[in-house]
Amino acid sequence: MQYTVKLSKDAKKYIENLDRTTKQRVLRKLQEVCSDPFDLRVSKPLTKREDRTARIGDYRILFLILEDVIFVTKVASRGEVYRQ
């Protein structure tokens, strides 16, 4: 099953402000997540939360799976992504 990706306003803004190589890495990871978001090699569930996380070096993608849509809530560096 192929999923579609929806980005939050903050996630889209963060991705647009990344340098070109990091942006390409993030977009490649989003493609992997779309193919199988439940694969533990691609993403992991967070404890005590409904969302999942995907790792790209020092960056993280937080997302929710809503039927056939992957809603990316946040993209940020490892140190700041889990702060609310």
PDB file of N, CA and C in Angstrom:
ATOM      1  N   MET A   1       0.838  -1.188   0.000  1.00  0.00           N
ATOM      2  CA  MET A   1       0.000   0.000   0.000  1.00  0.00           C
ATOM      3  C   MET A   1       0.876   1.243   0.000  1.00  0.00           C
ATOM      4  N   GLN A   2       0.637   2.120  -0.912  1.00  0.00           N
ATOM      5  CA  GLN A   2       1.399   3.363  -0.998  1.00  0.00           C
ATOM      6  C   GLN A   2       0.666   4.464  -0.234  1.00  0.00           C
ATOM      7  N   TYR A   3       1.396   5.166   0.583  1.00  0.00           N
ATOM      8  CA  TYR A   3       0.835   6.250   1.380  1.00  0.00           C
ATOM      9  C   TYR A   3       1.166   7.585   0.725  1.00  0.00           C
ATOM     10  N   THR A   4       0.361   8.588   1.015  1.00  0.00           N
ATOM     11  CA  THR A   4       0.672   9.949   0.591  1.00  0.00           C
ATOM     12  C   THR A   4       1.182  10.724   1.792  1.00  0.00           C
ATOM     13  N   VAL A   5       1.990  11.732   1.529  1.00  0.00           N
ATOM     14  CA  VAL A   5       2.604  12.514   2.601  1.00  0.00           C
ATOM     15  C   VAL A   5       1.982  13.897   2.652  1.00  0.00           C
ATOM     16  N   LYS A   6       1.623  14.312   3.840  1.00  0.00           N
ATOM     17  CA  LYS A   6       1.160  15.677   4.096  1.00  0.00           C
ATOM     18  C   LYS A   6       2.108  16.261   5.129  1.00  0.00           C
ATOM     19  N   LEU A   7       2.592  17.469   4.871  1.00  0.00           N
ATOM     20  CA  LEU A   7       3.523  18.130   5.782  1.00  0.00           C
ATOM     21  C   LEU A   7       2.810  19.229   6.562  1.00  0.00           C
ATOM     22  N   SER A   8       3.134  19.332   7.837  1.00  0.00           N
ATOM     23  CA  SER A   8       2.635  20.468   8.605  1.00  0.00           C
ATOM     24  C   SER A   8       3.374  21.715   8.130  1.00  0.00           C
ATOM     25  N   LYS A   9       2.854  22.861   8.474  1.00  0.00           N
ATOM     26  CA  LYS A   9       3.477  24.117   8.057  1.00  0.00           C
ATOM     27  C   LYS A   9       4.897  24.229   8.614  1.00  0.00           C
ATOM     28  N   ASP A  10       5.083  23.847   9.882  1.00  0.00           N
ATOM     29  CA  ASP A  10       6.414  23.914  10.503  1.00  0.00           C
ATOM     30  C   ASP A  10       7.400  22.950   9.850  1.00  0.00           C
ATOM     31  N   ALA A  11       6.931  21.736   9.556  1.00  0.00           N
ATOM     32  CA  ALA A  11       7.812  20.748   8.929  1.00  0.00           C
ATOM     33  C   ALA A  11       8.239  21.206   7.535  1.00  0.00           C
ATOM     34  N   LYS A  12       7.289  21.736   6.782  1.00  0.00           N
ATOM     35  CA  LYS A  12       7.607  22.214   5.428  1.00  0.00           C
ATOM     36  C   LYS A  12       8.623  23.352   5.474  1.00  0.00           C
ATOM     37  N   LYS A  13       8.428  24.275   6.388  1.00  0.00           N
ATOM     38  CA  LYS A  13       9.343  25.409   6.529  1.00  0.00           C
ATOM     39  C   LYS A  13      10.738  24.936   6.927  1.00  0.00           C
ATOM     40  N   TYR A  14      10.810  23.967   7.848  1.00  0.00           N
ATOM     41  CA  TYR A  14      12.109  23.463   8.299  1.00  0.00           C
ATOM     42  C   TYR A  14      12.848  22.776   7.154  1.00  0.00           C
ATOM     43  N   ILE A  15      12.130  21.965   6.381  1.00  0.00           N
ATOM     44  CA  ILE A  15      12.758  21.261   5.258  1.00  0.00           C
ATOM     45  C   ILE A  15      13.242  22.253   4.207  1.00  0.00           C
ATOM     46  N   GLU A  16      12.462  23.280   3.924  1.00  0.00           N
ATOM     47  CA  GLU A  16      12.859  24.272   2.928  1.00  0.00           C
ATOM     48  C   GLU A  16      14.125  25.014   3.336  1.00  0.00           C
ATOM     49  N   ASN A  17      14.362  25.178   4.626  1.00  0.00           N
ATOM     50  CA  ASN A  17      15.529  25.923   5.103  1.00  0.00           C
ATOM     51  C   ASN A  17      16.777  25.062   5.285  1.00  0.00           C
ATOM     52  N   LEU A  18      16.679  23.763   5.027  1.00  0.00           N
ATOM     53  CA  LEU A  18      17.854  22.887   5.125  1.00  0.00           C
ATOM     54  C   LEU A  18      18.764  23.074   3.920  1.00  0.00           C
ATOM     55  N   ASP A  19      20.045  22.700   4.086  1.00  0.00           N
ATOM     56  CA  ASP A  19      20.943  22.734   2.933  1.00  0.00           C
ATOM     57  C   ASP A  19      20.545  21.625   1.963  1.00  0.00           C
ATOM     58  N   ARG A  20      21.035  21.708   0.750  1.00  0.00           N
ATOM     59  CA  ARG A  20      20.563  20.838  -0.326  1.00  0.00           C
ATOM     60  C   ARG A  20      20.776  19.355  -0.035  1.00  0.00           C
ATOM     61  N   THR A  21      21.951  18.959   0.457  1.00  0.00           N
ATOM     62  CA  THR A  21      22.207  17.537   0.687  1.00  0.00           C
ATOM     63  C   THR A  21      21.339  16.977   1.814  1.00  0.00           C
ATOM     64  N   THR A  22      21.163  17.739   2.874  1.00  0.00           N
ATOM     65  CA  THR A  22      20.319  17.283   3.977  1.00  0.00           C
ATOM     66  C   THR A  22      18.867  17.205   3.539  1.00  0.00           C
ATOM     67  N   LYS A  23      18.418  18.174   2.757  1.00  0.00           N
ATOM     68  CA  LYS A  23      17.051  18.164   2.243  1.00  0.00           C
ATOM     69  C   LYS A  23      16.814  16.914   1.392  1.00  0.00           C
ATOM     70  N   GLN A  24      17.786  16.552   0.542  1.00  0.00           N
ATOM     71  CA  GLN A  24      17.658  15.360  -0.288  1.00  0.00           C
ATOM     72  C   GLN A  24      17.584  14.102   0.572  1.00  0.00           C
ATOM     73  N   ARG A  25      18.383  14.041   1.638  1.00  0.00           N
ATOM     74  CA  ARG A  25      18.355  12.893   2.541  1.00  0.00           C
ATOM     75  C   ARG A  25      16.995  12.767   3.234  1.00  0.00           C
ATOM     76  N   VAL A  26      16.434  13.892   3.659  1.00  0.00           N
ATOM     77  CA  VAL A  26      15.125  13.891   4.319  1.00  0.00           C
ATOM     78  C   VAL A  26      14.047  13.436   3.343  1.00  0.00           C
ATOM     79  N   LEU A  27      14.077  13.930   2.120  1.00  0.00           N
ATOM     80  CA  LEU A  27      13.069  13.547   1.131  1.00  0.00           C
ATOM     81  C   LEU A  27      13.179  12.070   0.744  1.00  0.00           C
ATOM     82  N   ARG A  28      14.425  11.553   0.669  1.00  0.00           N
ATOM     83  CA  ARG A  28      14.609  10.127   0.401  1.00  0.00           C
ATOM     84  C   ARG A  28      14.028   9.276   1.529  1.00  0.00           C
ATOM     85  N   LYS A  29      14.238   9.738   2.770  1.00  0.00           N
ATOM     86  CA  LYS A  29      13.706   9.009   3.916  1.00  0.00           C
ATOM     87  C   LYS A  29      12.181   9.025   3.909  1.00  0.00           C
ATOM     88  N   LEU A  30      11.594  10.143   3.508  1.00  0.00           N
ATOM     89  CA  LEU A  30      10.135  10.212   3.411  1.00  0.00           C
ATOM     90  C   LEU A  30       9.604   9.226   2.373  1.00  0.00           C
ATOM     91  N   GLN A  31      10.342   9.024   1.289  1.00  0.00           N
ATOM     92  CA  GLN A  31       9.937   8.034   0.293  1.00  0.00           C
ATOM     93  C   GLN A  31       9.983   6.627   0.880  1.00  0.00           C
ATOM     94  N   GLU A  32      11.023   6.337   1.676  1.00  0.00           N
ATOM     95  CA  GLU A  32      11.109   5.035   2.342  1.00  0.00           C
ATOM     96  C   GLU A  32       9.939   4.833   3.293  1.00  0.00           C
ATOM     97  N   VAL A  33       9.614   5.882   4.044  1.00  0.00           N
ATOM     98  CA  VAL A  33       8.506   5.808   4.996  1.00  0.00           C
ATOM     99  C   VAL A  33       7.198   5.557   4.257  1.00  0.00           C
ATOM    100  N   CYS A  34       7.027   6.168   3.108  1.00  0.00           N
ATOM    101  CA  CYS A  34       5.797   5.975   2.323  1.00  0.00           C
ATOM    102  C   CYS A  34       5.636   4.534   1.864  1.00  0.00           C
ATOM    103  N   SER A  35       6.718   3.876   1.556  1.00  0.00           N
ATOM    104  CA  SER A  35       6.618   2.510   1.064  1.00  0.00           C
ATOM    105  C   SER A  35       6.202   1.538   2.165  1.00  0.00           C
ATOM    106  N   ASP A  36       6.728   1.696   3.396  1.00  0.00           N
ATOM    107  CA  ASP A  36       6.339   0.824   4.507  1.00  0.00           C
ATOM    108  C   ASP A  36       6.643   1.522   5.829  1.00  0.00           C
ATOM    109  N   PRO A  37       5.712   2.309   6.353  1.00  0.00           N
ATOM    110  CA  PRO A  37       5.972   3.070   7.578  1.00  0.00           C
ATOM    111  C   PRO A  37       6.067   2.211   8.832  1.00  0.00           C
ATOM    112  N   PHE A  38       5.601   0.970   8.791  1.00  0.00           N
ATOM    113  CA  PHE A  38       5.636   0.110   9.967  1.00  0.00           C
ATOM    114  C   PHE A  38       6.890  -0.745  10.045  1.00  0.00           C
ATOM    115  N   ASP A  39       7.745  -0.687   9.039  1.00  0.00           N
ATOM    116  CA  ASP A  39       9.001  -1.424   9.044  1.00  0.00           C
ATOM    117  C   ASP A  39       9.923  -0.813  10.104  1.00  0.00           C
ATOM    118  N   LEU A  40      10.393  -1.629  11.032  1.00  0.00           N
ATOM    119  CA  LEU A  40      11.217  -1.113  12.122  1.00  0.00           C
ATOM    120  C   LEU A  40      12.592  -0.645  11.655  1.00  0.00           C
ATOM    121  N   ARG A  41      12.995  -1.011  10.455  1.00  0.00           N
ATOM    122  CA  ARG A  41      14.254  -0.488   9.917  1.00  0.00           C
ATOM    123  C   ARG A  41      14.086   0.930   9.399  1.00  0.00           C
ATOM    124  N   VAL A  42      12.837   1.342   9.171  1.00  0.00           N
ATOM    125  CA  VAL A  42      12.548   2.664   8.618  1.00  0.00           C
ATOM    126  C   VAL A  42      12.096   3.638   9.700  1.00  0.00           C
ATOM    127  N   SER A  43      11.215   3.199  10.592  1.00  0.00           N
ATOM    128  CA  SER A  43      10.707   4.078  11.646  1.00  0.00           C
ATOM    129  C   SER A  43      10.358   3.261  12.884  1.00  0.00           C
ATOM    130  N   LYS A  44      10.286   3.958  14.014  1.00  0.00           N
ATOM    131  CA  LYS A  44       9.951   3.308  15.269  1.00  0.00           C
ATOM    132  C   LYS A  44       8.813   4.057  15.954  1.00  0.00           C
ATOM    133  N   PRO A  45       7.961   3.328  16.670  1.00  0.00           N
ATOM    134  CA  PRO A  45       6.914   4.014  17.443  1.00  0.00           C
ATOM    135  C   PRO A  45       7.522   4.672  18.679  1.00  0.00           C
ATOM    136  N   LEU A  46       6.960   5.787  19.078  1.00  0.00           N
ATOM    137  CA  LEU A  46       7.403   6.455  20.294  1.00  0.00           C
ATOM    138  C   LEU A  46       6.595   5.932  21.478  1.00  0.00           C
ATOM    139  N   THR A  47       7.232   5.826  22.613  1.00  0.00           N
ATOM    140  CA  THR A  47       6.519   5.350  23.790  1.00  0.00           C
ATOM    141  C   THR A  47       5.654   6.460  24.351  1.00  0.00           C
ATOM    142  N   LYS A  48       4.476   6.091  24.805  1.00  0.00           N
ATOM    143  CA  LYS A  48       3.500   6.999  25.409  1.00  0.00           C
ATOM    144  C   LYS A  48       3.009   8.082  24.457  1.00  0.00           C
ATOM    145  N   ARG A  49       3.201   7.890  23.162  1.00  0.00           N
ATOM    146  CA  ARG A  49       2.722   8.830  22.150  1.00  0.00           C
ATOM    147  C   ARG A  49       2.195   8.036  20.971  1.00  0.00           C
ATOM    148  N   GLU A  50       1.379   8.670  20.153  1.00  0.00           N
ATOM    149  CA  GLU A  50       0.802   7.989  19.000  1.00  0.00           C
ATOM    150  C   GLU A  50       1.671   8.073  17.754  1.00  0.00           C
ATOM    151  N   ASP A  51       2.624   8.993  17.736  1.00  0.00           N
ATOM    152  CA  ASP A  51       3.391   9.180  16.513  1.00  0.00           C
ATOM    153  C   ASP A  51       4.602   8.259  16.453  1.00  0.00           C
ATOM    154  N   ARG A  52       5.222   8.272  15.293  1.00  0.00           N
ATOM    155  CA  ARG A  52       6.411   7.465  15.030  1.00  0.00           C
ATOM    156  C   ARG A  52       7.558   8.393  14.665  1.00  0.00           C
ATOM    157  N   THR A  53       8.774   7.868  14.708  1.00  0.00           N
ATOM    158  CA  THR A  53       9.945   8.663  14.373  1.00  0.00           C
ATOM    159  C   THR A  53      10.799   7.932  13.345  1.00  0.00           C
ATOM    160  N   ALA A  54      11.358   8.702  12.428  1.00  0.00           N
ATOM    161  CA  ALA A  54      12.301   8.188  11.441  1.00  0.00           C
ATOM    162  C   ALA A  54      13.603   8.957  11.619  1.00  0.00           C
ATOM    163  N   ARG A  55      14.712   8.248  11.559  1.00  0.00           N
ATOM    164  CA  ARG A  55      16.017   8.838  11.834  1.00  0.00           C
ATOM    165  C   ARG A  55      16.778   9.075  10.536  1.00  0.00           C
ATOM    166  N   ILE A  56      17.376  10.277  10.435  1.00  0.00           N
ATOM    167  CA  ILE A  56      18.259  10.625   9.324  1.00  0.00           C
ATOM    168  C   ILE A  56      19.482  11.285   9.934  1.00  0.00           C
ATOM    169  N   GLY A  57      20.478  10.519  10.310  1.00  0.00           N
ATOM    170  CA  GLY A  57      21.658  11.080  10.971  1.00  0.00           C
ATOM    171  C   GLY A  57      21.273  11.780  12.251  1.00  0.00           C
ATOM    172  N   ASP A  58      21.548  13.070  12.348  1.00  0.00           N
ATOM    173  CA  ASP A  58      21.206  13.857  13.533  1.00  0.00           C
ATOM    174  C   ASP A  58      19.830  14.497  13.439  1.00  0.00           C
ATOM    175  N   TYR A  59      19.063  14.185  12.416  1.00  0.00           N
ATOM    176  CA  TYR A  59      17.725  14.746  12.241  1.00  0.00           C
ATOM    177  C   TYR A  59      16.679  13.663  12.465  1.00  0.00           C
ATOM    178  N   ARG A  60      15.482  14.105  12.853  1.00  0.00           N
ATOM    179  CA  ARG A  60      14.376  13.184  13.076  1.00  0.00           C
ATOM    180  C   ARG A  60      13.124  13.706  12.384  1.00  0.00           C
ATOM    181  N   ILE A  61      12.298  12.786  11.931  1.00  0.00           N
ATOM    182  CA  ILE A  61      10.989  13.105  11.363  1.00  0.00           C
ATOM    183  C   ILE A  61       9.953  12.485  12.286  1.00  0.00           C
ATOM    184  N   LEU A  62       9.039  13.288  12.794  1.00  0.00           N
ATOM    185  CA  LEU A  62       7.924  12.777  13.585  1.00  0.00           C
ATOM    186  C   LEU A  62       6.682  12.789  12.710  1.00  0.00           C
ATOM    187  N   PHE A  63       5.947  11.674  12.701  1.00  0.00           N
ATOM    188  CA  PHE A  63       4.777  11.595  11.841  1.00  0.00           C
ATOM    189  C   PHE A  63       3.704  10.712  12.450  1.00  0.00           C
ATOM    190  N   LEU A  64       2.489  10.947  11.989  1.00  0.00           N
ATOM    191  CA  LEU A  64       1.321  10.143  12.344  1.00  0.00           C
ATOM    192  C   LEU A  64       0.848   9.404  11.100  1.00  0.00           C
ATOM    193  N   ILE A  65       0.296   8.222  11.287  1.00  0.00           N
ATOM    194  CA  ILE A  65      -0.267   7.468  10.172  1.00  0.00           C
ATOM    195  C   ILE A  65      -1.778   7.518  10.321  1.00  0.00           C
ATOM    196  N   LEU A  66      -2.414   8.176   9.374  1.00  0.00           N
ATOM    197  CA  LEU A  66      -3.871   8.343   9.378  1.00  0.00           C
ATOM    198  C   LEU A  66      -4.426   7.689   8.125  1.00  0.00           C
ATOM    199  N   GLU A  67      -4.918   6.459   8.247  1.00  0.00           N
ATOM    200  CA  GLU A  67      -5.426   5.650   7.136  1.00  0.00           C
ATOM    201  C   GLU A  67      -4.368   5.528   6.050  1.00  0.00           C
ATOM    202  N   ASP A  68      -4.513   6.209   4.917  1.00  0.00           N
ATOM    203  CA  ASP A  68      -3.516   6.104   3.850  1.00  0.00           C
ATOM    204  C   ASP A  68      -2.690   7.381   3.713  1.00  0.00           C
ATOM    205  N   VAL A  69      -2.647   8.192   4.769  1.00  0.00           N
ATOM    206  CA  VAL A  69      -1.904   9.452   4.767  1.00  0.00           C
ATOM    207  C   VAL A  69      -0.866   9.431   5.886  1.00  0.00           C
ATOM    208  N   ILE A  70       0.333   9.833   5.544  1.00  0.00           N
ATOM    209  CA  ILE A  70       1.376  10.033   6.546  1.00  0.00           C
ATOM    210  C   ILE A  70       1.468  11.531   6.769  1.00  0.00           C
ATOM    211  N   PHE A  71       1.099  11.955   7.976  1.00  0.00           N
ATOM    212  CA  PHE A  71       1.106  13.375   8.316  1.00  0.00           C
ATOM    213  C   PHE A  71       2.372  13.680   9.117  1.00  0.00           C
ATOM    214  N   VAL A  72       3.288  14.422   8.506  1.00  0.00           N
ATOM    215  CA  VAL A  72       4.550  14.781   9.146  1.00  0.00           C
ATOM    216  C   VAL A  72       4.298  15.984  10.043  1.00  0.00           C
ATOM    217  N   THR A  73       4.443  15.782  11.341  1.00  0.00           N
ATOM    218  CA  THR A  73       4.170  16.848  12.297  1.00  0.00           C
ATOM    219  C   THR A  73       5.379  17.714  12.558  1.00  0.00           C
ATOM    220  N   LYS A  74       6.580  17.099  12.524  1.00  0.00           N
ATOM    221  CA  LYS A  74       7.766  17.875  12.866  1.00  0.00           C
ATOM    222  C   LYS A  74       9.002  17.256  12.232  1.00  0.00           C
ATOM    223  N   VAL A  75       9.901  18.105  11.766  1.00  0.00           N
ATOM    224  CA  VAL A  75      11.223  17.709  11.300  1.00  0.00           C
ATOM    225  C   VAL A  75      12.195  18.650  11.982  1.00  0.00           C
ATOM    226  N   ALA A  76      13.182  18.088  12.679  1.00  0.00           N
ATOM    227  CA  ALA A  76      14.148  18.937  13.382  1.00  0.00           C
ATOM    228  C   ALA A  76      15.345  18.090  13.777  1.00  0.00           C
ATOM    229  N   SER A  77      16.344  18.748  14.343  1.00  0.00           N
ATOM    230  CA  SER A  77      17.512  18.019  14.818  1.00  0.00           C
ATOM    231  C   SER A  77      17.128  17.194  16.037  1.00  0.00           C
ATOM    232  N   ARG A  78      17.941  16.218  16.337  1.00  0.00           N
ATOM    233  CA  ARG A  78      17.637  15.270  17.405  1.00  0.00           C
ATOM    234  C   ARG A  78      17.400  15.944  18.734  1.00  0.00           C
ATOM    235  N   GLY A  79      18.142  16.994  19.041  1.00  0.00           N
ATOM    236  CA  GLY A  79      18.042  17.660  20.329  1.00  0.00           C
ATOM    237  C   GLY A  79      16.763  18.457  20.520  1.00  0.00           C
ATOM    238  N   GLU A  80      16.178  18.923  19.438  1.00  0.00           N
ATOM    239  CA  GLU A  80      15.005  19.791  19.579  1.00  0.00           C
ATOM    240  C   GLU A  80      13.700  19.180  19.115  1.00  0.00           C
ATOM    241  N   VAL A  81      13.723  18.031  18.451  1.00  0.00           N
ATOM    242  CA  VAL A  81      12.499  17.488  17.856  1.00  0.00           C
ATOM    243  C   VAL A  81      11.505  16.982  18.897  1.00  0.00           C
ATOM    244  N   TYR A  82      11.969  16.487  20.017  1.00  0.00           N
ATOM    245  CA  TYR A  82      11.057  15.897  20.993  1.00  0.00           C
ATOM    246  C   TYR A  82      10.526  16.927  21.990  1.00  0.00           C
ATOM    247  N   ARG A  83      11.017  18.126  21.952  1.00  0.00           N
ATOM    248  CA  ARG A  83      10.498  19.191  22.826  1.00  0.00           C
ATOM    249  C   ARG A  83       9.164  19.683  22.294  1.00  0.00           C
ATOM    250  N   GLN A  84       8.275  20.023  23.210  1.00  0.00           N
ATOM    251  CA  GLN A  84       6.959  20.498  22.755  1.00  0.00           C
ATOM    252  C   GLN A  84       6.670  21.857  23.253  1.00  0.00           C
TER     253      GLN A  84
END
